[in-house]
């Protein structure tokens, strides 16, 4: 009986060795496979959306009343046609038009359309500007028009505050 137990012990030891070799071989294959994967360069990290936050007071006192909601209905983003009103707007830019408007909500919505690295490339400027991005509401600002040029300068000054 002693002899059969010794033979059984060797068989059990061999199966452990075989199991260990299989695990090591599998681990080696995984390591080789992962080492062979190329590194993908995703380019520069995009700017954090929370970084582009021009002065909120300037937004409330200048941008909202003179750029987004001026008295002239043909130049207002939320005026007569209410294209960008939160209640029934027709795009991703949805602004509260209550009286007084919820400036905190609107400021958060507007800053998603800003490019602080290149302010003149901000879609909040390029969409309503003729000769730039197509705008479903048509061209709002025409370069060379005194009032429109003033609105565009007002927008550019926002980034200098």
Protein backbone atom coordinates (compact mmCIF):
# COMPACT_ATOMS: atom_id res chain seq x y z
CA UNK A 1 0.00 0.00 0.00
CA UNK A 2 2.86 2.30 0.70
CA UNK A 3 4.10 1.81 -2.84
CA UNK A 4 0.80 2.79 -4.52
CA UNK A 5 0.61 5.93 -2.40
CA UNK A 6 4.04 6.98 -3.56
CA UNK A 7 3.04 6.45 -7.20
CA UNK A 8 -0.19 8.41 -6.64
CA UNK A 9 1.80 11.22 -5.04
CA UNK A 10 4.05 11.47 -8.12
CA UNK A 11 1.02 11.64 -10.42
CA UNK A 12 -0.49 14.39 -8.32
CA UNK A 13 2.81 16.28 -8.33
CA UNK A 14 3.07 15.94 -12.11
CA UNK A 15 -0.43 17.32 -12.64
CA UNK A 16 0.44 20.32 -10.47
CA UNK A 17 3.56 20.92 -12.52
CA UNK A 18 1.61 20.61 -15.77
CA UNK A 19 -1.06 23.00 -14.45
CA UNK A 20 1.60 25.50 -13.40
CA UNK A 21 3.29 25.26 -16.81
CA UNK A 22 -0.03 25.88 -18.57
CA UNK A 23 -0.74 28.94 -16.41
CA UNK A 24 2.77 30.31 -17.02
CA UNK A 25 2.49 29.71 -20.76
CA UNK A 26 -0.88 31.45 -20.90
CA UNK A 27 0.46 34.36 -18.86
CA UNK A 28 3.46 34.59 -21.18
CA UNK A 29 1.20 34.67 -24.25
CA UNK A 30 -0.92 37.43 -22.72
CA UNK A 31 2.21 39.46 -21.89
CA UNK A 32 3.54 39.03 -25.44
CA UNK A 33 0.17 39.97 -26.94
CA UNK A 34 -0.11 43.10 -24.82
CA UNK A 35 3.48 44.10 -25.49
CA UNK A 36 2.78 43.92 -29.21
CA UNK A 37 -0.11 46.41 -29.08
CA UNK A 38 0.93 49.78 -30.49
CA UNK A 39 0.36 52.92 -28.48
CA UNK A 40 -2.27 55.11 -30.06
CA UNK A 41 -1.60 58.84 -29.96
CA UNK A 42 -4.93 60.54 -29.32
CA UNK A 43 -3.42 63.99 -29.70
CA UNK A 44 -3.69 66.82 -27.22
CA UNK A 45 -6.23 66.56 -24.47
CA UNK A 46 -9.27 68.68 -25.24
CA UNK A 47 -9.72 71.66 -22.98
CA UNK A 48 -11.84 71.09 -19.93
CA UNK A 49 -15.25 72.65 -20.63
CA UNK A 50 -15.20 74.17 -17.16
CA UNK A 51 -12.02 76.08 -18.00
CA UNK A 52 -13.70 78.34 -20.57
CA UNK A 53 -15.65 80.59 -18.27
CA UNK A 54 -15.36 84.25 -19.27
CA UNK A 55 -16.66 86.80 -16.79
CA UNK A 56 -20.23 86.01 -15.78
CA UNK A 57 -21.08 89.58 -14.78
CA UNK A 58 -20.05 90.77 -18.25
CA UNK A 59 -22.29 88.05 -19.66
CA UNK A 60 -25.29 89.29 -17.65
CA UNK A 61 -24.73 93.00 -18.25
CA UNK A 62 -23.42 92.98 -21.83
CA UNK A 63 -23.70 89.66 -23.69
CA UNK A 64 -27.28 88.78 -22.72
CA UNK A 65 -28.94 92.16 -23.37
CA UNK A 66 -26.82 93.27 -26.33
CA UNK A 67 -25.75 90.08 -28.08
CA UNK A 68 -28.21 87.27 -27.32
CA UNK A 69 -31.41 89.13 -26.51
CA UNK A 70 -31.21 92.63 -28.01
CA UNK A 71 -34.38 94.64 -28.51
CA UNK A 72 -34.21 94.26 -32.31
CA UNK A 73 -36.21 91.07 -32.99
CA UNK A 74 -34.23 90.28 -36.16
CA UNK A 75 -31.02 90.08 -34.14
CA UNK A 76 -32.32 88.31 -31.06
CA UNK A 77 -31.60 84.64 -30.47
CA UNK A 78 -34.66 84.39 -28.22
CA UNK A 79 -36.89 87.20 -29.46
CA UNK A 80 -39.87 87.02 -31.75
CA UNK A 81 -39.02 83.70 -33.42
CA UNK A 82 -37.74 82.22 -30.13
CA UNK A 83 -35.34 80.00 -32.03
CA UNK A 84 -33.20 79.38 -28.97
CA UNK A 85 -35.83 79.62 -26.23
CA UNK A 86 -35.69 76.80 -23.70
CA UNK A 87 -39.40 76.08 -24.08
CA UNK A 88 -39.46 75.45 -27.83
CA UNK A 89 -35.95 76.07 -29.19
CA UNK A 90 -34.77 74.42 -32.36
CA UNK A 91 -31.16 73.63 -31.52
CA UNK A 92 -28.79 72.57 -28.76
CA UNK A 93 -28.58 76.17 -27.55
CA UNK A 94 -31.64 76.56 -25.34
CA UNK A 95 -31.96 79.72 -23.27
CA UNK A 96 -34.37 80.67 -20.51
CA UNK A 97 -36.49 83.64 -21.58
CA UNK A 98 -38.44 84.27 -18.39
CA UNK A 99 -38.38 87.76 -16.91
CA UNK A 100 -35.82 88.00 -15.42
CA UNK A 101 -34.02 85.17 -17.20
CA UNK A 102 -32.21 82.46 -15.27
CA UNK A 103 -28.73 83.82 -15.98
CA UNK A 104 -26.96 80.96 -14.20
CA UNK A 105 -28.66 78.40 -16.46
CA UNK A 106 -28.18 80.48 -19.59
CA UNK A 107 -24.52 81.18 -18.79
CA UNK A 108 -23.93 77.43 -18.42
CA UNK A 109 -25.64 76.77 -21.76
CA UNK A 110 -23.80 79.54 -23.60
CA UNK A 111 -20.32 78.56 -22.39
CA UNK A 112 -20.66 75.19 -24.13
CA UNK A 113 -20.50 77.13 -27.41
CA UNK A 114 -17.32 79.06 -26.61
CA UNK A 115 -13.74 78.44 -27.64
CA UNK A 116 -11.52 80.29 -25.18
CA UNK A 117 -8.35 79.30 -27.03
CA UNK A 118 -9.63 80.91 -30.23
CA UNK A 119 -12.63 83.11 -29.35
CA UNK A 120 -13.27 84.04 -32.99
CA UNK A 121 -13.86 80.31 -33.67
CA UNK A 122 -16.60 80.07 -31.02
CA UNK A 123 -19.79 78.76 -32.57
CA UNK A 124 -21.69 81.33 -30.49
CA UNK A 125 -20.06 83.86 -32.83
CA UNK A 126 -19.63 81.92 -36.07
CA UNK A 127 -23.19 80.60 -36.35
CA UNK A 128 -24.98 83.98 -36.51
CA UNK A 129 -22.14 85.60 -38.48
CA UNK A 130 -22.64 85.72 -42.22
CA UNK A 131 -19.88 84.06 -44.27
CA UNK A 132 -19.20 81.54 -41.48
CA UNK A 133 -21.02 78.40 -40.25
CA UNK A 134 -24.46 77.75 -41.74
CA UNK A 135 -27.13 78.99 -39.33
CA UNK A 136 -30.70 77.75 -39.55
CA UNK A 137 -31.93 81.18 -38.53
CA UNK A 138 -30.01 82.90 -41.31
CA UNK A 139 -27.30 85.49 -41.04
CA UNK A 140 -27.76 87.66 -37.98
CA UNK A 141 -24.53 89.65 -38.08
CA UNK A 142 -23.21 91.21 -41.25
CA UNK A 143 -19.60 92.44 -41.16
CA UNK A 144 -19.46 96.11 -42.07
CA UNK A 145 -22.78 96.97 -40.43
CA UNK A 146 -22.06 99.38 -37.55
CA UNK A 147 -24.43 97.73 -35.03
CA UNK A 148 -23.33 94.23 -35.99
CA UNK A 149 -19.66 95.16 -35.76
CA UNK A 150 -20.36 96.60 -32.30
CA UNK A 151 -22.01 93.31 -31.21
CA UNK A 152 -19.04 91.31 -32.51
CA UNK A 153 -16.58 93.57 -30.65
CA UNK A 154 -18.69 93.19 -27.52
CA UNK A 155 -18.39 89.42 -27.89
CA UNK A 156 -14.59 89.60 -28.39
CA UNK A 157 -14.22 91.89 -25.35
CA UNK A 158 -15.90 89.25 -23.19
CA UNK A 159 -12.73 87.15 -23.36
CA UNK A 160 -10.58 90.07 -22.21
CA UNK A 161 -12.45 90.59 -18.93
